[in-house]
Amino acid sequence: MTKNERIEKLTDFLLKEYPHTQAFNTPNLVGDYMESVYEDESIEVRYAPGYGYVEIFGLTESEFENITVINEWGSRFTLGEEEDDEAGD
């Protein structure tokens, strides 16, 4: 699978399962309970059901920035169904 194909597969998963969800590419430090919800091609997504955010690992910084958007408060969110939607709405 090419690099673009793996990113496309991840983006499709996030659009379907976790649209407009706050996203981080660093592990939480407070010990929130996390569930591994996606593992493929060295990419892992973990979900915090108690707080409703995801952690995405295995991407470069630029890849992570390309699959997320920043809202007006400076937080990163996964994309929604429409690319021009404001994140978090």
N, C-alpha and C. Protein backbone atom coordinates (compact mmCIF):
# COMPACT_ATOMS: atom_id res chain seq x y z
N MET A 1 0.85 -1.18 0.00
CA MET A 1 0.00 0.00 0.00
C MET A 1 0.90 1.24 0.00
N THR A 2 0.59 2.21 -0.85
CA THR A 2 1.39 3.43 -0.90
C THR A 2 1.08 4.34 0.28
N LYS A 3 1.94 5.30 0.50
CA LYS A 3 1.74 6.26 1.58
C LYS A 3 0.41 6.98 1.42
N ASN A 4 0.09 7.42 0.20
CA ASN A 4 -1.17 8.11 -0.04
C ASN A 4 -2.38 7.22 0.21
N GLU A 5 -2.27 5.95 -0.15
CA GLU A 5 -3.37 5.01 0.06
C GLU A 5 -3.63 4.78 1.55
N ARG A 6 -2.56 4.69 2.33
CA ARG A 6 -2.76 4.47 3.78
C ARG A 6 -3.37 5.68 4.44
N ILE A 7 -3.01 6.90 3.99
CA ILE A 7 -3.59 8.12 4.54
C ILE A 7 -5.06 8.23 4.10
N GLU A 8 -5.34 7.87 2.87
CA GLU A 8 -6.71 7.90 2.36
C GLU A 8 -7.60 6.92 3.13
N LYS A 9 -7.08 5.74 3.40
CA LYS A 9 -7.83 4.73 4.16
C LYS A 9 -8.11 5.24 5.58
N LEU A 10 -7.12 5.85 6.22
CA LEU A 10 -7.30 6.42 7.55
C LEU A 10 -8.33 7.54 7.52
N THR A 11 -8.23 8.43 6.55
CA THR A 11 -9.17 9.55 6.44
C THR A 11 -10.59 9.05 6.25
N ASP A 12 -10.78 8.05 5.43
CA ASP A 12 -12.11 7.46 5.23
C ASP A 12 -12.66 6.91 6.55
N PHE A 13 -11.81 6.22 7.30
CA PHE A 13 -12.23 5.68 8.60
C PHE A 13 -12.65 6.81 9.55
N LEU A 14 -11.83 7.85 9.64
CA LEU A 14 -12.13 8.96 10.54
C LEU A 14 -13.40 9.70 10.13
N LEU A 15 -13.60 9.90 8.83
CA LEU A 15 -14.82 10.56 8.35
C LEU A 15 -16.07 9.76 8.72
N LYS A 16 -15.96 8.44 8.64
CA LYS A 16 -17.10 7.58 8.93
C LYS A 16 -17.35 7.43 10.43
N GLU A 17 -16.29 7.19 11.19
CA GLU A 17 -16.44 6.83 12.61
C GLU A 17 -16.27 7.99 13.60
N TYR A 18 -15.41 8.96 13.26
CA TYR A 18 -15.09 10.03 14.21
C TYR A 18 -15.02 11.40 13.54
N PRO A 19 -16.09 11.82 12.82
CA PRO A 19 -16.04 13.15 12.20
C PRO A 19 -16.11 14.24 13.27
N HIS A 20 -15.44 15.33 13.02
CA HIS A 20 -15.45 16.49 13.93
C HIS A 20 -15.08 16.11 15.36
N THR A 21 -14.08 15.26 15.52
CA THR A 21 -13.65 14.79 16.83
C THR A 21 -12.29 15.41 17.14
N GLN A 22 -12.14 15.92 18.36
CA GLN A 22 -10.84 16.50 18.73
C GLN A 22 -9.76 15.44 18.58
N ALA A 23 -8.62 15.85 18.02
CA ALA A 23 -7.56 14.90 17.69
C ALA A 23 -6.20 15.38 18.19
N PHE A 24 -5.40 14.44 18.64
CA PHE A 24 -4.06 14.70 19.12
C PHE A 24 -3.11 13.69 18.47
N ASN A 25 -1.85 14.06 18.34
CA ASN A 25 -0.85 13.09 17.87
C ASN A 25 0.20 12.84 18.94
N THR A 26 -0.18 13.09 20.17
CA THR A 26 0.66 12.79 21.34
C THR A 26 -0.20 12.04 22.35
N PRO A 27 0.40 11.15 23.14
CA PRO A 27 -0.39 10.41 24.13
C PRO A 27 -0.80 11.30 25.29
N ASN A 28 -1.99 11.01 25.84
CA ASN A 28 -2.43 11.77 27.00
C ASN A 28 -1.55 11.43 28.19
N LEU A 29 -1.35 12.39 29.05
CA LEU A 29 -0.47 12.21 30.21
C LEU A 29 -1.23 11.99 31.51
N VAL A 30 -2.55 12.09 31.46
CA VAL A 30 -3.34 11.99 32.68
C VAL A 30 -3.96 10.62 32.90
N GLY A 31 -3.73 9.71 31.94
CA GLY A 31 -4.21 8.35 32.13
C GLY A 31 -5.65 8.11 31.73
N ASP A 32 -6.20 8.92 30.81
CA ASP A 32 -7.56 8.67 30.33
C ASP A 32 -7.62 7.27 29.74
N TYR A 33 -8.74 6.59 29.97
CA TYR A 33 -8.95 5.26 29.39
C TYR A 33 -9.03 5.41 27.88
N MET A 34 -8.26 4.61 27.15
CA MET A 34 -8.21 4.67 25.70
C MET A 34 -8.52 3.29 25.11
N GLU A 35 -9.26 3.28 24.01
CA GLU A 35 -9.52 2.05 23.26
C GLU A 35 -8.84 2.16 21.90
N SER A 36 -8.13 1.12 21.50
CA SER A 36 -7.54 1.10 20.17
C SER A 36 -8.67 0.78 19.19
N VAL A 37 -8.92 1.70 18.24
CA VAL A 37 -10.05 1.54 17.32
C VAL A 37 -9.62 1.35 15.88
N TYR A 38 -8.31 1.53 15.60
CA TYR A 38 -7.82 1.39 14.22
C TYR A 38 -6.34 1.08 14.27
N GLU A 39 -5.94 0.04 13.57
CA GLU A 39 -4.52 -0.30 13.42
C GLU A 39 -4.32 -0.84 12.01
N ASP A 40 -3.50 -0.13 11.23
CA ASP A 40 -3.24 -0.56 9.87
C ASP A 40 -2.02 0.17 9.34
N GLU A 41 -1.13 -0.57 8.68
CA GLU A 41 0.03 0.05 8.03
C GLU A 41 0.80 0.99 8.95
N SER A 42 1.08 0.56 10.17
CA SER A 42 1.83 1.30 11.19
C SER A 42 1.13 2.56 11.68
N ILE A 43 -0.18 2.68 11.44
CA ILE A 43 -0.97 3.79 11.98
C ILE A 43 -1.90 3.22 13.04
N GLU A 44 -1.99 3.91 14.17
CA GLU A 44 -2.91 3.50 15.22
C GLU A 44 -3.74 4.70 15.65
N VAL A 45 -5.05 4.45 15.84
CA VAL A 45 -5.96 5.46 16.38
C VAL A 45 -6.52 4.91 17.68
N ARG A 46 -6.44 5.72 18.71
CA ARG A 46 -7.02 5.37 20.01
C ARG A 46 -8.12 6.37 20.32
N TYR A 47 -9.19 5.89 20.95
CA TYR A 47 -10.34 6.73 21.27
C TYR A 47 -10.55 6.76 22.78
N ALA A 48 -10.83 7.95 23.31
CA ALA A 48 -11.14 8.12 24.73
C ALA A 48 -12.65 8.25 24.87
N PRO A 49 -13.37 7.15 25.15
CA PRO A 49 -14.83 7.21 25.18
C PRO A 49 -15.38 8.14 26.27
N GLY A 50 -14.66 8.29 27.34
CA GLY A 50 -15.14 9.16 28.42
C GLY A 50 -15.02 10.64 28.10
N TYR A 51 -14.21 10.98 27.11
CA TYR A 51 -13.95 12.39 26.80
C TYR A 51 -14.17 12.72 25.33
N GLY A 52 -14.32 11.72 24.49
CA GLY A 52 -14.66 11.95 23.09
C GLY A 52 -13.56 12.52 22.23
N TYR A 53 -12.33 12.12 22.43
CA TYR A 53 -11.24 12.56 21.56
C TYR A 53 -10.47 11.37 21.05
N VAL A 54 -9.67 11.58 19.99
CA VAL A 54 -8.84 10.52 19.44
C VAL A 54 -7.37 10.93 19.49
N GLU A 55 -6.53 9.92 19.57
CA GLU A 55 -5.08 10.08 19.42
C GLU A 55 -4.69 9.30 18.17
N ILE A 56 -3.91 9.94 17.31
CA ILE A 56 -3.51 9.32 16.05
C ILE A 56 -1.99 9.22 16.02
N PHE A 57 -1.49 8.00 15.89
CA PHE A 57 -0.05 7.76 15.91
C PHE A 57 0.40 7.12 14.59
N GLY A 58 1.66 7.35 14.23
CA GLY A 58 2.24 6.73 13.06
C GLY A 58 2.26 7.64 11.84
N LEU A 59 1.92 8.90 12.02
CA LEU A 59 1.94 9.88 10.94
C LEU A 59 3.05 10.89 11.18
N THR A 60 3.53 11.49 10.11
CA THR A 60 4.44 12.62 10.28
C THR A 60 3.60 13.82 10.73
N GLU A 61 4.27 14.85 11.19
CA GLU A 61 3.56 16.06 11.62
C GLU A 61 2.74 16.64 10.46
N SER A 62 3.32 16.68 9.27
CA SER A 62 2.59 17.25 8.13
C SER A 62 1.41 16.37 7.71
N GLU A 63 1.55 15.05 7.80
CA GLU A 63 0.43 14.16 7.49
C GLU A 63 -0.71 14.39 8.48
N PHE A 64 -0.38 14.52 9.76
CA PHE A 64 -1.39 14.78 10.78
C PHE A 64 -2.09 16.10 10.51
N GLU A 65 -1.33 17.13 10.18
CA GLU A 65 -1.92 18.44 9.89
C GLU A 65 -2.82 18.40 8.67
N ASN A 66 -2.50 17.55 7.70
CA ASN A 66 -3.30 17.45 6.48
C ASN A 66 -4.63 16.73 6.68
N ILE A 67 -4.75 15.92 7.71
CA ILE A 67 -6.02 15.20 7.92
C ILE A 67 -6.85 15.80 9.04
N THR A 68 -6.41 16.94 9.57
CA THR A 68 -7.15 17.61 10.64
C THR A 68 -7.31 19.09 10.28
N VAL A 69 -8.21 19.74 11.00
CA VAL A 69 -8.42 21.18 10.86
C VAL A 69 -8.32 21.82 12.24
N ILE A 70 -8.03 23.11 12.25
CA ILE A 70 -7.94 23.85 13.52
C ILE A 70 -9.18 24.71 13.67
N ASN A 71 -9.82 24.65 14.85
CA ASN A 71 -10.98 25.50 15.07
C ASN A 71 -10.56 26.87 15.58
N GLU A 72 -11.53 27.71 15.85
CA GLU A 72 -11.22 29.08 16.27
C GLU A 72 -10.51 29.19 17.61
N TRP A 73 -10.50 28.13 18.41
CA TRP A 73 -9.79 28.14 19.70
C TRP A 73 -8.42 27.51 19.60
N GLY A 74 -8.03 27.07 18.41
CA GLY A 74 -6.70 26.50 18.22
C GLY A 74 -6.60 25.01 18.45
N SER A 75 -7.74 24.34 18.61
CA SER A 75 -7.74 22.89 18.80
C SER A 75 -7.86 22.18 17.46
N ARG A 76 -7.22 21.03 17.32
CA ARG A 76 -7.29 20.24 16.08
C ARG A 76 -8.46 19.27 16.15
N PHE A 77 -9.15 19.15 15.02
CA PHE A 77 -10.28 18.24 14.91
C PHE A 77 -10.16 17.44 13.62
N THR A 78 -10.73 16.22 13.62
CA THR A 78 -10.80 15.45 12.39
C THR A 78 -11.77 16.15 11.45
N LEU A 79 -11.64 15.85 10.17
CA LEU A 79 -12.52 16.45 9.18
C LEU A 79 -13.93 15.92 9.33
N GLY A 80 -14.89 16.71 8.84
CA GLY A 80 -16.28 16.27 8.82
C GLY A 80 -16.67 15.91 7.40
N GLU A 81 -17.93 15.69 7.19
CA GLU A 81 -18.41 15.30 5.87
C GLU A 81 -18.11 16.35 4.81
N GLU A 82 -18.21 17.63 5.16
CA GLU A 82 -17.90 18.70 4.22
C GLU A 82 -16.61 19.35 4.65
N GLU A 83 -15.64 19.44 3.76
CA GLU A 83 -14.33 19.95 4.11
C GLU A 83 -14.35 21.38 4.61
N ASP A 84 -15.34 22.18 4.20
CA ASP A 84 -15.36 23.56 4.61
C ASP A 84 -16.15 23.79 5.89
N ASP A 85 -16.66 22.72 6.51
CA ASP A 85 -17.31 22.86 7.82
C ASP A 85 -16.31 23.37 8.85
N GLU A 86 -16.82 24.14 9.81
CA GLU A 86 -15.94 24.53 10.92
C GLU A 86 -15.81 23.35 11.85
N ALA A 87 -14.63 23.07 12.30
CA ALA A 87 -14.38 21.93 13.18
C ALA A 87 -15.07 22.14 14.52
N GLY A 88 -15.60 21.05 15.05
CA GLY A 88 -16.18 21.09 16.38
C GLY A 88 -17.62 21.55 16.42
N ASP A 89 -18.20 21.94 15.28
CA ASP A 89 -19.60 22.37 15.26
C ASP A 89 -20.52 21.19 15.13
